[in-house]
Amino acid sequence: MSPRARIALKVVVWAVCLYPVALLLYQFQTANLGANPIEHVTRTLGIWTLRILLASLAMTPLRILFGISWPIAFRRLLGLFAFFSVCLHFSVWIVLDHFFDWPRMGADILKRPYITVGMLALTLLVPLAATSTAGMVKRLGGLAWRRLHRLVYVAGVLGALHFLWLAKKGRDEPFVYAGVLALLLGVRLVDWARRAAKRRWTAAPASESARAAPRRVLALLVLLSVGLPGWMGSPAEGQALRRGRPVPDIAGAPWINSPPLTTSGLKGRVVLVEFWTYG
C-alpha cells in the first residue's frame, strides 16, 4: 500500500470513529437528543464503542482469511478510538447520569450485572491503551506485550454481554454484535489450532529422537559395562589391542560339528558363531 493510500485510509478511520461525537454535538446543538437525552447519549456512545472494538478485532481475521496484511496497521488506531469512546461512555454515566454520586455508583456496580461486566471491560482496556506505544512494546518485550493484549478478547466478550443484558427484550441488535464477535474469535481460534497442530507435526521427529536418546545412552552404558571389565581384566591383551597387534587365536577344547575357527580365517568377514562349552 502506498503512503498516500495509507494516509487516506487513516483519515477515513478518524472520520468514522469521530462521527458519533460529531453527531451527538449536532443533535445537542439542534435540541434533537430525544425525550431522554442522557440515555440517548449513553446508548449511542456504548454502541459505537462496541462497533469500533469489533472493527479492531476484525483486522487479524481479515489477514487470516484473505491474506491481506495492510489492515493490521489500523488495529492500534481502532483500539485507541474504542478506548476513547468507552471513556466518553463511562464519563456520561458518572457525570450526567449519577453526578459523581460514588456510593450510588458503587451500589449499581455490585447490584446490576450489566454494569459489573461493563466496568470490568473498561478496567481491562486501561492497561491495553497505556501499553499501546512502540516504547512500551520494547519495554515489556514482544512476548509479554502480546500476552497482555490478549485481554482485548475478554474485554470484547464482556462488552457484548454488557449490551445483551442491558438491551430490552425484542431487540435483535445485541445478538448481531455477539454473533460477529463469536465469528471473529472463531477464526482466531481455528487459526491458532491449525498453527499448533503444524508445530506439533514439525516437532514430532525431533521429539521421537529425543525420546530415543535415553535408550541409546542406556545401551551404550550396558555395552561398556559388559565389555570394558573384560578388556581391562586382561592388561596384556588390552595393550595388544591398543598397539595394533593381532588378537590371539581361539583356543580351547576340540571343535564339534565344524572345523576349528581361526582369527586369520575370519578376517574381513562378519560371522555369527553359536557354541556351547563344557568342562
C-alpha atoms as a PDB file:
ATOM      1  CA  MET A   1       0.000   0.000   0.000  1.00  0.00           C
ATOM      2  CA  SER A   2       1.336   3.422  -0.966  1.00  0.00           C
ATOM      3  CA  PRO A   3       1.870   6.094   1.720  1.00  0.00           C
ATOM      4  CA  ARG A   4      -0.822   8.250   0.132  1.00  0.00           C
ATOM      5  CA  ALA A   5      -3.387   5.463   0.305  1.00  0.00           C
ATOM      6  CA  ARG A   6      -2.413   4.732   3.904  1.00  0.00           C
ATOM      7  CA  ILE A   7      -2.938   8.379   4.870  1.00  0.00           C
ATOM      8  CA  ALA A   8      -6.289   8.452   3.085  1.00  0.00           C
ATOM      9  CA  LEU A   9      -7.452   5.348   4.950  1.00  0.00           C
ATOM     10  CA  LYS A  10      -6.335   6.825   8.261  1.00  0.00           C
ATOM     11  CA  VAL A  11      -8.380   9.926   7.510  1.00  0.00           C
ATOM     12  CA  VAL A  12     -11.391   7.679   6.847  1.00  0.00           C
ATOM     13  CA  VAL A  13     -10.825   5.815  10.125  1.00  0.00           C
ATOM     14  CA  TRP A  14     -10.590   9.100  12.049  1.00  0.00           C
ATOM     15  CA  ALA A  15     -13.754  10.405  10.398  1.00  0.00           C
ATOM     16  CA  VAL A  16     -15.769   7.254  11.062  1.00  0.00           C
ATOM     17  CA  CYS A  17     -14.630   6.931  14.682  1.00  0.00           C
ATOM     18  CA  LEU A  18     -15.335  10.598  15.445  1.00  0.00           C
ATOM     19  CA  TYR A  19     -18.689  10.530  13.678  1.00  0.00           C
ATOM     20  CA  PRO A  20     -20.741   9.602  16.806  1.00  0.00           C
ATOM     21  CA  VAL A  21     -19.230  12.503  18.777  1.00  0.00           C
ATOM     22  CA  ALA A  22     -19.946  14.912  15.944  1.00  0.00           C
ATOM     23  CA  LEU A  23     -23.467  13.533  15.616  1.00  0.00           C
ATOM     24  CA  LEU A  24     -24.193  13.975  19.315  1.00  0.00           C
ATOM     25  CA  LEU A  25     -22.807  17.503  19.276  1.00  0.00           C
ATOM     26  CA  TYR A  26     -25.002  18.329  16.302  1.00  0.00           C
ATOM     27  CA  GLN A  27     -28.066  16.815  17.978  1.00  0.00           C
ATOM     28  CA  PHE A  28     -27.291  18.762  21.138  1.00  0.00           C
ATOM     29  CA  GLN A  29     -26.943  21.987  19.153  1.00  0.00           C
ATOM     30  CA  THR A  30     -30.257  21.376  17.391  1.00  0.00           C
ATOM     31  CA  ALA A  31     -32.018  20.129  20.550  1.00  0.00           C
ATOM     32  CA  ASN A  32     -32.624  16.754  18.945  1.00  0.00           C
ATOM     33  CA  LEU A  33     -31.398  14.353  21.656  1.00  0.00           C
ATOM     34  CA  GLY A  34     -34.855  12.861  22.252  1.00  0.00           C
ATOM     35  CA  ALA A  35     -37.068  12.649  25.284  1.00  0.00           C
ATOM     36  CA  ASN A  36     -34.273  11.138  27.420  1.00  0.00           C
ATOM     37  CA  PRO A  37     -31.018  12.858  26.341  1.00  0.00           C
ATOM     38  CA  ILE A  38     -28.769  11.126  28.890  1.00  0.00           C
ATOM     39  CA  GLU A  39     -29.992   7.673  27.909  1.00  0.00           C
ATOM     40  CA  HIS A  40     -29.642   8.537  24.202  1.00  0.00           C
ATOM     41  CA  VAL A  41     -26.066   9.792  24.586  1.00  0.00           C
ATOM     42  CA  THR A  42     -25.045   6.835  26.762  1.00  0.00           C
ATOM     43  CA  ARG A  43     -26.537   4.280  24.365  1.00  0.00           C
ATOM     44  CA  THR A  44     -25.054   5.925  21.257  1.00  0.00           C
ATOM     45  CA  LEU A  45     -21.539   6.041  22.728  1.00  0.00           C
ATOM     46  CA  GLY A  46     -21.834   2.457  24.010  1.00  0.00           C
ATOM     47  CA  ILE A  47     -22.952   1.042  20.671  1.00  0.00           C
ATOM     48  CA  TRP A  48     -20.189   2.842  18.803  1.00  0.00           C
ATOM     49  CA  THR A  49     -17.636   1.642  21.340  1.00  0.00           C
ATOM     50  CA  LEU A  50     -18.620  -1.940  20.608  1.00  0.00           C
ATOM     51  CA  ARG A  51     -18.578  -1.323  16.859  1.00  0.00           C
ATOM     52  CA  ILE A  52     -15.084   0.166  16.922  1.00  0.00           C
ATOM     53  CA  LEU A  53     -13.822  -2.593  19.204  1.00  0.00           C
ATOM     54  CA  LEU A  54     -15.190  -5.242  16.840  1.00  0.00           C
ATOM     55  CA  ALA A  55     -13.548  -3.441  13.921  1.00  0.00           C
ATOM     56  CA  SER A  56     -10.186  -3.591  15.702  1.00  0.00           C
ATOM     57  CA  LEU A  57     -10.676  -7.304  16.407  1.00  0.00           C
ATOM     58  CA  ALA A  58     -11.528  -7.903  12.733  1.00  0.00           C
ATOM     59  CA  MET A  59      -8.141  -6.804  11.406  1.00  0.00           C
ATOM     60  CA  THR A  60      -6.307 -10.048  12.125  1.00  0.00           C
ATOM     61  CA  PRO A  61      -9.128 -12.334  10.879  1.00  0.00           C
ATOM     62  CA  LEU A  62      -9.075 -10.366   7.605  1.00  0.00           C
ATOM     63  CA  ARG A  63      -5.403 -11.224   7.216  1.00  0.00           C
ATOM     64  CA  ILE A  64      -6.041 -14.874   8.110  1.00  0.00           C
ATOM     65  CA  LEU A  65      -8.972 -15.330   5.726  1.00  0.00           C
ATOM     66  CA  PHE A  66      -7.900 -13.219   2.758  1.00  0.00           C
ATOM     67  CA  GLY A  67      -4.139 -12.910   3.142  1.00  0.00           C
ATOM     68  CA  ILE A  68      -4.147  -9.098   3.233  1.00  0.00           C
ATOM     69  CA  SER A  69      -1.882  -7.533   5.835  1.00  0.00           C
ATOM     70  CA  TRP A  70      -2.481  -3.797   5.456  1.00  0.00           C
ATOM     71  CA  PRO A  71      -5.499  -3.740   7.863  1.00  0.00           C
ATOM     72  CA  ILE A  72      -3.134  -4.674  10.708  1.00  0.00           C
ATOM     73  CA  ALA A  73      -1.693  -1.160  10.512  1.00  0.00           C
ATOM     74  CA  PHE A  74      -5.037   0.248  11.705  1.00  0.00           C
ATOM     75  CA  ARG A  75      -5.586  -2.154  14.599  1.00  0.00           C
ATOM     76  CA  ARG A  76      -3.897   0.018  17.217  1.00  0.00           C
ATOM     77  CA  LEU A  77      -5.663   3.182  15.981  1.00  0.00           C
ATOM     78  CA  LEU A  78      -9.040   1.482  16.181  1.00  0.00           C
ATOM     79  CA  GLY A  79      -8.242   0.114  19.616  1.00  0.00           C
ATOM     80  CA  LEU A  80      -7.355   3.575  20.915  1.00  0.00           C
ATOM     81  CA  PHE A  81     -10.562   5.003  19.474  1.00  0.00           C
ATOM     82  CA  ALA A  82     -12.519   2.222  21.189  1.00  0.00           C
ATOM     83  CA  PHE A  83     -10.888   3.195  24.487  1.00  0.00           C
ATOM     84  CA  PHE A  84     -11.641   6.886  23.826  1.00  0.00           C
ATOM     85  CA  SER A  85     -15.277   6.083  23.106  1.00  0.00           C
ATOM     86  CA  VAL A  86     -15.713   3.883  26.190  1.00  0.00           C
ATOM     87  CA  CYS A  87     -14.196   6.617  28.342  1.00  0.00           C
ATOM     88  CA  LEU A  88     -16.810   9.046  26.998  1.00  0.00           C
ATOM     89  CA  HIS A  89     -19.494   6.443  27.616  1.00  0.00           C
ATOM     90  CA  PHE A  90     -18.293   5.981  31.194  1.00  0.00           C
ATOM     91  CA  SER A  91     -17.954   9.739  31.761  1.00  0.00           C
ATOM     92  CA  VAL A  92     -21.575  10.322  30.784  1.00  0.00           C
ATOM     93  CA  TRP A  93     -22.598   7.644  33.283  1.00  0.00           C
ATOM     94  CA  ILE A  94     -20.538   9.290  36.050  1.00  0.00           C
ATOM     95  CA  VAL A  95     -21.196  12.964  35.364  1.00  0.00           C
ATOM     96  CA  LEU A  96     -24.652  13.201  33.804  1.00  0.00           C
ATOM     97  CA  ASP A  97     -26.372  10.038  35.000  1.00  0.00           C
ATOM     98  CA  HIS A  98     -25.113   9.932  38.623  1.00  0.00           C
ATOM     99  CA  PHE A  99     -23.451  13.328  39.021  1.00  0.00           C
ATOM    100  CA  PHE A 100     -20.467  11.916  40.965  1.00  0.00           C
ATOM    101  CA  ASP A 101     -22.640  10.025  43.440  1.00  0.00           C
ATOM    102  CA  TRP A 102     -19.936   7.454  44.237  1.00  0.00           C
ATOM    103  CA  PRO A 103     -21.879   5.391  46.807  1.00  0.00           C
ATOM    104  CA  ARG A 104     -24.769   5.006  44.407  1.00  0.00           C
ATOM    105  CA  MET A 105     -22.433   4.092  41.553  1.00  0.00           C
ATOM    106  CA  GLY A 106     -20.709   1.501  43.720  1.00  0.00           C
ATOM    107  CA  ALA A 107     -24.047   0.003  44.659  1.00  0.00           C
ATOM    108  CA  ASP A 108     -25.070  -0.143  40.988  1.00  0.00           C
ATOM    109  CA  ILE A 109     -21.836  -1.885  40.044  1.00  0.00           C
ATOM    110  CA  LEU A 110     -22.444  -4.584  42.645  1.00  0.00           C
ATOM    111  CA  LYS A 111     -26.182  -4.870  42.092  1.00  0.00           C
ATOM    112  CA  ARG A 112     -26.568  -4.747  38.310  1.00  0.00           C
ATOM    113  CA  PRO A 113     -24.677  -7.441  36.337  1.00  0.00           C
ATOM    114  CA  TYR A 114     -24.586  -5.455  33.090  1.00  0.00           C
ATOM    115  CA  ILE A 115     -22.822  -2.594  34.892  1.00  0.00           C
ATOM    116  CA  THR A 116     -20.434  -5.056  36.551  1.00  0.00           C
ATOM    117  CA  VAL A 117     -19.269  -6.594  33.273  1.00  0.00           C
ATOM    118  CA  GLY A 118     -19.120  -3.163  31.632  1.00  0.00           C
ATOM    119  CA  MET A 119     -16.841  -1.911  34.400  1.00  0.00           C
ATOM    120  CA  LEU A 120     -14.652  -4.987  34.058  1.00  0.00           C
ATOM    121  CA  ALA A 121     -14.355  -4.393  30.299  1.00  0.00           C
ATOM    122  CA  LEU A 122     -13.302  -0.783  30.896  1.00  0.00           C
ATOM    123  CA  THR A 123     -10.768  -1.883  33.510  1.00  0.00           C
ATOM    124  CA  LEU A 124      -9.209  -4.372  31.087  1.00  0.00           C
ATOM    125  CA  LEU A 125      -8.906  -1.765  28.340  1.00  0.00           C
ATOM    126  CA  VAL A 126      -6.957   0.661  30.551  1.00  0.00           C
ATOM    127  CA  PRO A 127      -3.626  -1.280  30.559  1.00  0.00           C
ATOM    128  CA  LEU A 128      -4.025  -2.043  26.862  1.00  0.00           C
ATOM    129  CA  ALA A 129      -4.314   1.643  25.995  1.00  0.00           C
ATOM    130  CA  ALA A 130      -1.448   2.515  28.347  1.00  0.00           C
ATOM    131  CA  THR A 131       0.885  -0.010  26.670  1.00  0.00           C
ATOM    132  CA  SER A 132      -0.092   0.664  23.069  1.00  0.00           C
ATOM    133  CA  THR A 133       3.020   2.684  22.192  1.00  0.00           C
ATOM    134  CA  ALA A 134       6.103   1.277  20.469  1.00  0.00           C
ATOM    135  CA  GLY A 135       8.193   2.220  23.505  1.00  0.00           C
ATOM    136  CA  MET A 136       6.042   0.051  25.773  1.00  0.00           C
ATOM    137  CA  VAL A 137       6.360  -2.853  23.353  1.00  0.00           C
ATOM    138  CA  LYS A 138      10.155  -2.640  23.681  1.00  0.00           C
ATOM    139  CA  ARG A 139       9.998  -2.180  27.443  1.00  0.00           C
ATOM    140  CA  LEU A 140       7.717  -5.159  28.048  1.00  0.00           C
ATOM    141  CA  GLY A 141       9.148  -7.374  25.345  1.00  0.00           C
ATOM    142  CA  GLY A 142       7.218  -8.716  22.393  1.00  0.00           C
ATOM    143  CA  LEU A 143       6.043 -11.929  24.067  1.00  0.00           C
ATOM    144  CA  ALA A 144       4.837 -10.284  27.298  1.00  0.00           C
ATOM    145  CA  TRP A 145       3.182  -7.486  25.311  1.00  0.00           C
ATOM    146  CA  ARG A 146       1.258  -9.950  23.140  1.00  0.00           C
ATOM    147  CA  ARG A 147       0.121 -11.906  26.166  1.00  0.00           C
ATOM    148  CA  LEU A 148      -1.107  -8.740  27.863  1.00  0.00           C
ATOM    149  CA  HIS A 149      -3.017  -7.582  24.811  1.00  0.00           C
ATOM    150  CA  ARG A 150      -4.910 -10.859  24.581  1.00  0.00           C
ATOM    151  CA  LEU A 151      -7.092  -9.287  27.259  1.00  0.00           C
ATOM    152  CA  VAL A 152      -8.834  -7.449  24.429  1.00  0.00           C
ATOM    153  CA  TYR A 153     -10.712 -10.673  23.640  1.00  0.00           C
ATOM    154  CA  VAL A 154     -12.003 -10.837  27.212  1.00  0.00           C
ATOM    155  CA  ALA A 155     -12.954  -7.165  27.024  1.00  0.00           C
ATOM    156  CA  GLY A 156     -14.845  -7.825  23.793  1.00  0.00           C
ATOM    157  CA  VAL A 157     -16.816 -10.686  25.360  1.00  0.00           C
ATOM    158  CA  LEU A 158     -17.625  -8.557  28.414  1.00  0.00           C
ATOM    159  CA  GLY A 159     -18.727  -5.692  26.179  1.00  0.00           C
ATOM    160  CA  ALA A 160     -21.070  -7.963  24.246  1.00  0.00           C
ATOM    161  CA  LEU A 161     -22.514  -9.303  27.499  1.00  0.00           C
ATOM    162  CA  HIS A 162     -22.979  -5.738  28.746  1.00  0.00           C
ATOM    163  CA  PHE A 163     -25.045  -4.898  25.679  1.00  0.00           C
ATOM    164  CA  LEU A 164     -27.009  -8.173  25.770  1.00  0.00           C
ATOM    165  CA  TRP A 165     -28.004  -7.777  29.413  1.00  0.00           C
ATOM    166  CA  LEU A 166     -28.759  -4.069  29.080  1.00  0.00           C
ATOM    167  CA  ALA A 167     -30.867  -4.223  25.918  1.00  0.00           C
ATOM    168  CA  LYS A 168     -34.610  -4.505  26.140  1.00  0.00           C
ATOM    169  CA  LYS A 169     -36.408  -7.635  25.062  1.00  0.00           C
ATOM    170  CA  GLY A 170     -37.327  -7.867  21.402  1.00  0.00           C
ATOM    171  CA  ARG A 171     -34.169  -6.151  20.116  1.00  0.00           C
ATOM    172  CA  ASP A 172     -32.018  -8.227  17.771  1.00  0.00           C
ATOM    173  CA  GLU A 173     -29.084  -5.785  17.562  1.00  0.00           C
ATOM    174  CA  PRO A 174     -27.185  -7.125  20.618  1.00  0.00           C
ATOM    175  CA  PHE A 175     -27.343 -10.661  19.209  1.00  0.00           C
ATOM    176  CA  VAL A 176     -25.946  -9.447  15.897  1.00  0.00           C
ATOM    177  CA  TYR A 177     -22.907  -7.938  17.644  1.00  0.00           C
ATOM    178  CA  ALA A 178     -22.477 -11.063  19.764  1.00  0.00           C
ATOM    179  CA  GLY A 179     -22.605 -13.196  16.617  1.00  0.00           C
ATOM    180  CA  VAL A 180     -19.984 -11.050  14.869  1.00  0.00           C
ATOM    181  CA  LEU A 181     -17.735 -11.311  17.923  1.00  0.00           C
ATOM    182  CA  ALA A 182     -18.163 -15.094  18.037  1.00  0.00           C
ATOM    183  CA  LEU A 183     -17.270 -15.321  14.339  1.00  0.00           C
ATOM    184  CA  LEU A 184     -14.109 -13.231  14.774  1.00  0.00           C
ATOM    185  CA  LEU A 185     -12.981 -15.200  17.805  1.00  0.00           C
ATOM    186  CA  GLY A 186     -13.787 -18.442  15.993  1.00  0.00           C
ATOM    187  CA  VAL A 187     -11.494 -17.506  13.113  1.00  0.00           C
ATOM    188  CA  ARG A 188      -8.684 -16.756  15.569  1.00  0.00           C
ATOM    189  CA  LEU A 189      -9.294 -19.999  17.439  1.00  0.00           C
ATOM    190  CA  VAL A 190      -9.253 -22.124  14.289  1.00  0.00           C
ATOM    191  CA  ASP A 191      -6.058 -20.421  13.104  1.00  0.00           C
ATOM    192  CA  TRP A 192      -4.432 -20.980  16.498  1.00  0.00           C
ATOM    193  CA  ALA A 193      -5.393 -24.667  16.441  1.00  0.00           C
ATOM    194  CA  ARG A 194      -4.040 -25.031  12.895  1.00  0.00           C
ATOM    195  CA  ARG A 195      -0.701 -23.446  13.810  1.00  0.00           C
ATOM    196  CA  ALA A 196      -0.441 -25.529  16.988  1.00  0.00           C
ATOM    197  CA  ALA A 197      -1.060 -28.726  15.027  1.00  0.00           C
ATOM    198  CA  LYS A 198       1.546 -27.686  12.458  1.00  0.00           C
ATOM    199  CA  ARG A 199       4.111 -27.055  15.198  1.00  0.00           C
ATOM    200  CA  ARG A 200       3.444 -30.451  16.746  1.00  0.00           C
ATOM    201  CA  TRP A 201       3.691 -32.118  13.341  1.00  0.00           C
ATOM    202  CA  THR A 202       7.002 -30.398  12.639  1.00  0.00           C
ATOM    203  CA  ALA A 203       8.383 -31.169  16.077  1.00  0.00           C
ATOM    204  CA  ALA A 204       7.311 -34.843  16.044  1.00  0.00           C
ATOM    205  CA  PRO A 205      10.574 -36.280  14.551  1.00  0.00           C
ATOM    206  CA  ALA A 206      12.676 -34.267  16.958  1.00  0.00           C
ATOM    207  CA  SER A 207      10.559 -35.438  19.857  1.00  0.00           C
ATOM    208  CA  GLU A 208      10.899 -39.072  18.789  1.00  0.00           C
ATOM    209  CA  SER A 209      14.653 -38.638  18.512  1.00  0.00           C
ATOM    210  CA  ALA A 210      14.712 -37.027  21.936  1.00  0.00           C
ATOM    211  CA  ARG A 211      12.731 -39.939  23.386  1.00  0.00           C
ATOM    212  CA  ALA A 212      15.125 -42.437  21.764  1.00  0.00           C
ATOM    213  CA  ALA A 213      18.243 -40.695  23.088  1.00  0.00           C
ATOM    214  CA  PRO A 214      17.983 -42.092  26.660  1.00  0.00           C
ATOM    215  CA  ARG A 215      17.579 -45.604  25.278  1.00  0.00           C
ATOM    216  CA  ARG A 216      20.697 -45.167  23.158  1.00  0.00           C
ATOM    217  CA  VAL A 217      22.686 -43.904  26.116  1.00  0.00           C
ATOM    218  CA  LEU A 218      21.471 -46.836  28.229  1.00  0.00           C
ATOM    219  CA  ALA A 219      22.506 -49.315  25.524  1.00  0.00           C
ATOM    220  CA  LEU A 220      25.952 -47.732  25.313  1.00  0.00           C
ATOM    221  CA  LEU A 221      26.365 -47.938  29.070  1.00  0.00           C
ATOM    222  CA  VAL A 222      25.362 -51.615  29.024  1.00  0.00           C
ATOM    223  CA  LEU A 223      27.889 -52.385  26.300  1.00  0.00           C
ATOM    224  CA  LEU A 224      30.599 -50.539  28.160  1.00  0.00           C
ATOM    225  CA  SER A 225      29.750 -52.250  31.439  1.00  0.00           C
ATOM    226  CA  VAL A 226      29.869 -55.667  29.776  1.00  0.00           C
ATOM    227  CA  GLY A 227      32.868 -55.216  27.539  1.00  0.00           C
ATOM    228  CA  LEU A 228      35.089 -52.863  29.453  1.00  0.00           C
ATOM    229  CA  PRO A 229      35.691 -55.066  32.524  1.00  0.00           C
ATOM    230  CA  GLY A 230      36.676 -57.994  30.329  1.00  0.00           C
ATOM    231  CA  TRP A 231      39.020 -55.816  28.307  1.00  0.00           C
ATOM    232  CA  MET A 232      40.524 -54.294  31.429  1.00  0.00           C
ATOM    233  CA  GLY A 233      40.789 -57.714  33.110  1.00  0.00           C
ATOM    234  CA  SER A 234      43.495 -58.799  30.660  1.00  0.00           C
ATOM    235  CA  PRO A 235      46.040 -55.986  30.533  1.00  0.00           C
ATOM    236  CA  ALA A 236      48.296 -57.752  28.111  1.00  0.00           C
ATOM    237  CA  GLU A 237      45.550 -58.317  25.580  1.00  0.00           C
ATOM    238  CA  GLY A 238      44.291 -54.777  26.108  1.00  0.00           C
ATOM    239  CA  GLN A 239      47.755 -53.427  25.427  1.00  0.00           C
ATOM    240  CA  ALA A 240      47.945 -55.582  22.340  1.00  0.00           C
ATOM    241  CA  LEU A 241      44.695 -54.196  21.006  1.00  0.00           C
ATOM    242  CA  ARG A 242      45.745 -50.649  21.686  1.00  0.00           C
ATOM    243  CA  ARG A 243      49.094 -51.197  19.934  1.00  0.00           C
ATOM    244  CA  GLY A 244      47.514 -52.713  16.830  1.00  0.00           C
ATOM    245  CA  ARG A 245      48.771 -56.268  17.438  1.00  0.00           C
ATOM    246  CA  PRO A 246      46.688 -59.188  16.078  1.00  0.00           C
ATOM    247  CA  VAL A 247      44.296 -60.798  18.548  1.00  0.00           C
ATOM    248  CA  PRO A 248      45.144 -64.313  19.657  1.00  0.00           C
ATOM    249  CA  ASP A 249      43.531 -67.354  18.074  1.00  0.00           C
ATOM    250  CA  ILE A 250      40.571 -69.062  19.693  1.00  0.00           C
ATOM    251  CA  ALA A 251      41.921 -71.759  21.975  1.00  0.00           C
ATOM    252  CA  GLY A 252      40.149 -74.484  23.899  1.00  0.00           C
ATOM    253  CA  ALA A 253      38.742 -77.974  23.544  1.00  0.00           C
ATOM    254  CA  PRO A 254      38.363 -79.636  20.129  1.00  0.00           C
ATOM    255  CA  TRP A 255      35.607 -78.221  17.903  1.00  0.00           C
ATOM    256  CA  ILE A 256      32.451 -80.278  17.362  1.00  0.00           C
ATOM    257  CA  ASN A 257      30.487 -80.417  14.086  1.00  0.00           C
ATOM    258  CA  SER A 258      32.759 -77.860  12.383  1.00  0.00           C
ATOM    259  CA  PRO A 259      36.407 -77.288  11.616  1.00  0.00           C
ATOM    260  CA  PRO A 260      38.283 -75.093  14.090  1.00  0.00           C
ATOM    261  CA  LEU A 261      37.862 -71.346  13.566  1.00  0.00           C
ATOM    262  CA  THR A 262      40.869 -69.060  13.420  1.00  0.00           C
ATOM    263  CA  THR A 263      41.049 -65.285  13.582  1.00  0.00           C
ATOM    264  CA  SER A 264      43.053 -65.165  10.376  1.00  0.00           C
ATOM    265  CA  GLY A 265      40.325 -67.120   8.587  1.00  0.00           C
ATOM    266  CA  LEU A 266      37.624 -64.770   9.855  1.00  0.00           C
ATOM    267  CA  LYS A 267      39.441 -61.577   8.918  1.00  0.00           C
ATOM    268  CA  GLY A 268      37.219 -59.227   6.931  1.00  0.00           C
ATOM    269  CA  ARG A 269      34.110 -61.330   7.439  1.00  0.00           C
ATOM    270  CA  VAL A 270      31.019 -60.984   9.618  1.00  0.00           C
ATOM    271  CA  VAL A 271      30.401 -64.331  11.304  1.00  0.00           C
ATOM    272  CA  LEU A 272      27.697 -65.455  13.752  1.00  0.00           C
ATOM    273  CA  VAL A 273      29.033 -68.209  15.971  1.00  0.00           C
ATOM    274  CA  GLU A 274      26.730 -70.381  18.096  1.00  0.00           C
ATOM    275  CA  PHE A 275      28.666 -72.503  20.569  1.00  0.00           C
ATOM    276  CA  TRP A 276      28.497 -74.436  23.853  1.00  0.00           C
ATOM    277  CA  THR A 277      31.250 -75.095  26.305  1.00  0.00           C
ATOM    278  CA  TYR A 278      31.735 -77.937  28.744  1.00  0.00           C
ATOM    279  CA  GLY A 279      34.326 -78.956  31.169  1.00  0.00           C
END
